[in-house]
Amino acid sequence: MQLTTGIVVGGKVVVEGDPLPEGTVVTVLAREPDETFEVPPEIEAELLESIAQADRGETISADELIERLRRIA
């Protein structure tokens, strides 16, 4: 899993940095013009570590996730 940003040019998303491989499936989350997404460095580090865990296959099933969420709700 990768996290990247980009802008829309001519109706298409142009990503910053290295291009994604041809055929990569992406999900686009677009901010509203007055909306920002900023996190402190420690939260960003945690997010990036979570992505790295997923890349290594260190995941749980949807059922396990739901069970964990029920325990903290």
N, C-alpha and C. Protein backbone atom coordinates (compact mmCIF):
# COMPACT_ATOMS: atom_id res chain seq x y z
N MET A 1 0.85 -1.16 0.00
CA MET A 1 0.00 0.00 0.00
C MET A 1 0.90 1.23 0.00
N GLN A 2 0.51 2.23 -0.75
CA GLN A 2 1.26 3.48 -0.82
C GLN A 2 0.33 4.64 -0.50
N LEU A 3 0.91 5.69 0.02
CA LEU A 3 0.17 6.92 0.26
C LEU A 3 0.84 7.98 -0.59
N THR A 4 0.07 8.64 -1.44
CA THR A 4 0.63 9.68 -2.29
C THR A 4 -0.38 10.80 -2.44
N THR A 5 0.07 11.94 -2.87
CA THR A 5 -0.81 13.08 -3.11
C THR A 5 -0.65 13.52 -4.55
N GLY A 6 -1.57 14.33 -5.00
CA GLY A 6 -1.51 14.83 -6.35
C GLY A 6 -2.53 15.93 -6.56
N ILE A 7 -2.63 16.39 -7.79
CA ILE A 7 -3.61 17.41 -8.15
C ILE A 7 -4.32 16.97 -9.42
N VAL A 8 -5.47 17.57 -9.65
CA VAL A 8 -6.22 17.26 -10.87
C VAL A 8 -5.79 18.24 -11.95
N VAL A 9 -5.38 17.71 -13.09
CA VAL A 9 -4.98 18.51 -14.25
C VAL A 9 -5.74 17.96 -15.45
N GLY A 10 -6.54 18.79 -16.06
CA GLY A 10 -7.31 18.34 -17.22
C GLY A 10 -8.25 17.19 -16.89
N GLY A 11 -8.77 17.19 -15.67
CA GLY A 11 -9.71 16.15 -15.27
C GLY A 11 -9.07 14.84 -14.83
N LYS A 12 -7.74 14.78 -14.79
CA LYS A 12 -7.05 13.56 -14.38
C LYS A 12 -6.16 13.86 -13.19
N VAL A 13 -6.02 12.88 -12.31
CA VAL A 13 -5.17 13.04 -11.14
C VAL A 13 -3.72 12.82 -11.55
N VAL A 14 -2.88 13.80 -11.25
CA VAL A 14 -1.44 13.71 -11.50
C VAL A 14 -0.77 13.60 -10.13
N VAL A 15 -0.13 12.46 -9.87
CA VAL A 15 0.48 12.25 -8.56
C VAL A 15 1.84 12.91 -8.49
N GLU A 16 2.20 13.30 -7.26
CA GLU A 16 3.51 13.89 -7.01
C GLU A 16 4.52 12.76 -6.81
N GLY A 17 5.78 13.04 -7.07
CA GLY A 17 6.83 12.04 -6.84
C GLY A 17 6.86 10.99 -7.93
N ASP A 18 7.33 9.80 -7.55
CA ASP A 18 7.45 8.71 -8.52
C ASP A 18 6.08 8.29 -9.04
N PRO A 19 5.98 8.00 -10.33
CA PRO A 19 4.69 7.57 -10.87
C PRO A 19 4.30 6.20 -10.33
N LEU A 20 3.01 5.96 -10.24
CA LEU A 20 2.51 4.66 -9.83
C LEU A 20 2.61 3.70 -11.00
N PRO A 21 2.79 2.41 -10.72
CA PRO A 21 2.87 1.43 -11.81
C PRO A 21 1.58 1.41 -12.63
N GLU A 22 1.72 1.18 -13.92
CA GLU A 22 0.57 1.09 -14.81
C GLU A 22 -0.39 0.02 -14.30
N GLY A 23 -1.68 0.35 -14.26
CA GLY A 23 -2.69 -0.60 -13.81
C GLY A 23 -2.96 -0.56 -12.32
N THR A 24 -2.25 0.29 -11.58
CA THR A 24 -2.48 0.40 -10.14
C THR A 24 -3.90 0.87 -9.88
N VAL A 25 -4.59 0.17 -8.99
CA VAL A 25 -5.93 0.58 -8.59
C VAL A 25 -5.79 1.57 -7.44
N VAL A 26 -6.46 2.71 -7.55
CA VAL A 26 -6.35 3.75 -6.54
C VAL A 26 -7.72 4.15 -6.02
N THR A 27 -7.74 4.69 -4.82
CA THR A 27 -8.92 5.30 -4.24
C THR A 27 -8.59 6.77 -4.05
N VAL A 28 -9.44 7.64 -4.55
CA VAL A 28 -9.18 9.07 -4.46
C VAL A 28 -10.13 9.68 -3.43
N LEU A 29 -9.55 10.35 -2.46
CA LEU A 29 -10.31 11.07 -1.45
C LEU A 29 -10.02 12.55 -1.68
N ALA A 30 -11.00 13.28 -2.17
CA ALA A 30 -10.80 14.69 -2.51
C ALA A 30 -11.30 15.59 -1.38
N ARG A 31 -10.46 16.53 -1.00
CA ARG A 31 -10.85 17.49 0.03
C ARG A 31 -11.73 18.55 -0.57
N GLU A 32 -12.58 19.09 0.27
CA GLU A 32 -13.36 20.27 -0.12
C GLU A 32 -12.39 21.45 -0.15
N PRO A 33 -12.70 22.51 -0.89
CA PRO A 33 -11.76 23.63 -1.01
C PRO A 33 -11.33 24.23 0.33
N ASP A 34 -12.21 24.24 1.32
CA ASP A 34 -11.87 24.85 2.61
C ASP A 34 -11.46 23.82 3.66
N GLU A 35 -11.25 22.58 3.25
CA GLU A 35 -10.95 21.49 4.17
C GLU A 35 -9.46 21.14 4.10
N THR A 36 -8.86 20.89 5.24
CA THR A 36 -7.46 20.49 5.27
C THR A 36 -7.33 19.14 5.96
N PHE A 37 -6.23 18.49 5.72
CA PHE A 37 -5.91 17.23 6.38
C PHE A 37 -4.48 17.34 6.85
N GLU A 38 -4.33 17.61 8.13
CA GLU A 38 -3.00 17.74 8.71
C GLU A 38 -2.96 16.91 9.98
N VAL A 39 -1.86 16.25 10.19
CA VAL A 39 -1.67 15.48 11.42
C VAL A 39 -0.30 15.81 11.98
N PRO A 40 -0.16 15.70 13.29
CA PRO A 40 1.16 15.91 13.89
C PRO A 40 2.14 14.83 13.40
N PRO A 41 3.43 15.12 13.45
CA PRO A 41 4.43 14.17 12.95
C PRO A 41 4.32 12.78 13.57
N GLU A 42 3.97 12.70 14.86
CA GLU A 42 3.88 11.38 15.50
C GLU A 42 2.70 10.56 14.96
N ILE A 43 1.60 11.23 14.61
CA ILE A 43 0.45 10.53 14.02
C ILE A 43 0.80 10.10 12.59
N GLU A 44 1.49 10.96 11.86
CA GLU A 44 1.91 10.60 10.50
C GLU A 44 2.84 9.38 10.54
N ALA A 45 3.76 9.36 11.50
CA ALA A 45 4.67 8.22 11.63
C ALA A 45 3.89 6.94 11.94
N GLU A 46 2.87 7.05 12.80
CA GLU A 46 2.05 5.88 13.12
C GLU A 46 1.28 5.39 11.89
N LEU A 47 0.74 6.33 11.12
CA LEU A 47 0.03 5.97 9.90
C LEU A 47 0.96 5.27 8.91
N LEU A 48 2.15 5.82 8.72
CA LEU A 48 3.11 5.21 7.79
C LEU A 48 3.54 3.82 8.27
N GLU A 49 3.71 3.64 9.59
CA GLU A 49 4.05 2.32 10.12
C GLU A 49 2.91 1.34 9.89
N SER A 50 1.68 1.80 10.04
CA SER A 50 0.52 0.93 9.80
C SER A 50 0.47 0.49 8.34
N ILE A 51 0.77 1.41 7.43
CA ILE A 51 0.81 1.06 6.01
C ILE A 51 1.91 0.02 5.76
N ALA A 52 3.07 0.21 6.40
CA ALA A 52 4.17 -0.74 6.24
C ALA A 52 3.78 -2.12 6.77
N GLN A 53 3.05 -2.16 7.89
CA GLN A 53 2.58 -3.44 8.43
C GLN A 53 1.66 -4.14 7.42
N ALA A 54 0.76 -3.38 6.83
CA ALA A 54 -0.14 -3.97 5.83
C ALA A 54 0.65 -4.49 4.63
N ASP A 55 1.66 -3.73 4.21
CA ASP A 55 2.51 -4.18 3.09
C ASP A 55 3.21 -5.50 3.41
N ARG A 56 3.56 -5.69 4.69
CA ARG A 56 4.22 -6.93 5.11
C ARG A 56 3.23 -8.07 5.34
N GLY A 57 1.95 -7.78 5.17
CA GLY A 57 0.93 -8.82 5.36
C GLY A 57 0.48 -8.97 6.80
N GLU A 58 0.88 -8.04 7.66
CA GLU A 58 0.50 -8.09 9.07
C GLU A 58 -0.88 -7.45 9.22
N THR A 59 -1.90 -8.21 8.86
CA THR A 59 -3.26 -7.70 8.87
C THR A 59 -4.16 -8.60 9.70
N ILE A 60 -5.39 -8.14 9.93
CA ILE A 60 -6.39 -8.95 10.61
C ILE A 60 -7.62 -9.02 9.70
N SER A 61 -8.46 -9.99 9.96
CA SER A 61 -9.68 -10.14 9.15
C SER A 61 -10.69 -9.06 9.53
N ALA A 62 -11.66 -8.86 8.66
CA ALA A 62 -12.74 -7.90 8.95
C ALA A 62 -13.49 -8.31 10.21
N ASP A 63 -13.71 -9.62 10.39
CA ASP A 63 -14.40 -10.10 11.59
C ASP A 63 -13.63 -9.73 12.86
N GLU A 64 -12.31 -9.91 12.83
CA GLU A 64 -11.48 -9.56 13.98
C GLU A 64 -11.53 -8.06 14.24
N LEU A 65 -11.49 -7.25 13.19
CA LEU A 65 -11.59 -5.80 13.36
C LEU A 65 -12.90 -5.42 14.01
N ILE A 66 -13.99 -5.98 13.54
CA ILE A 66 -15.31 -5.66 14.11
C ILE A 66 -15.36 -6.07 15.58
N GLU A 67 -14.81 -7.23 15.90
CA GLU A 67 -14.80 -7.69 17.29
C GLU A 67 -13.99 -6.73 18.17
N ARG A 68 -12.84 -6.30 17.69
CA ARG A 68 -12.02 -5.35 18.46
C ARG A 68 -12.74 -4.03 18.66
N LEU A 69 -13.42 -3.56 17.63
CA LEU A 69 -14.16 -2.30 17.74
C LEU A 69 -15.31 -2.43 18.73
N ARG A 70 -15.96 -3.57 18.74
CA ARG A 70 -17.05 -3.79 19.70
C ARG A 70 -16.54 -3.73 21.14
N ARG A 71 -15.34 -4.26 21.36
CA ARG A 71 -14.78 -4.27 22.72
C ARG A 71 -14.47 -2.87 23.23
N ILE A 72 -14.14 -1.94 22.35
CA ILE A 72 -13.80 -0.59 22.81
C ILE A 72 -14.97 0.38 22.73
N ALA A 73 -16.08 -0.06 22.14
CA ALA A 73 -17.23 0.84 21.99
C ALA A 73 -18.06 0.92 23.25
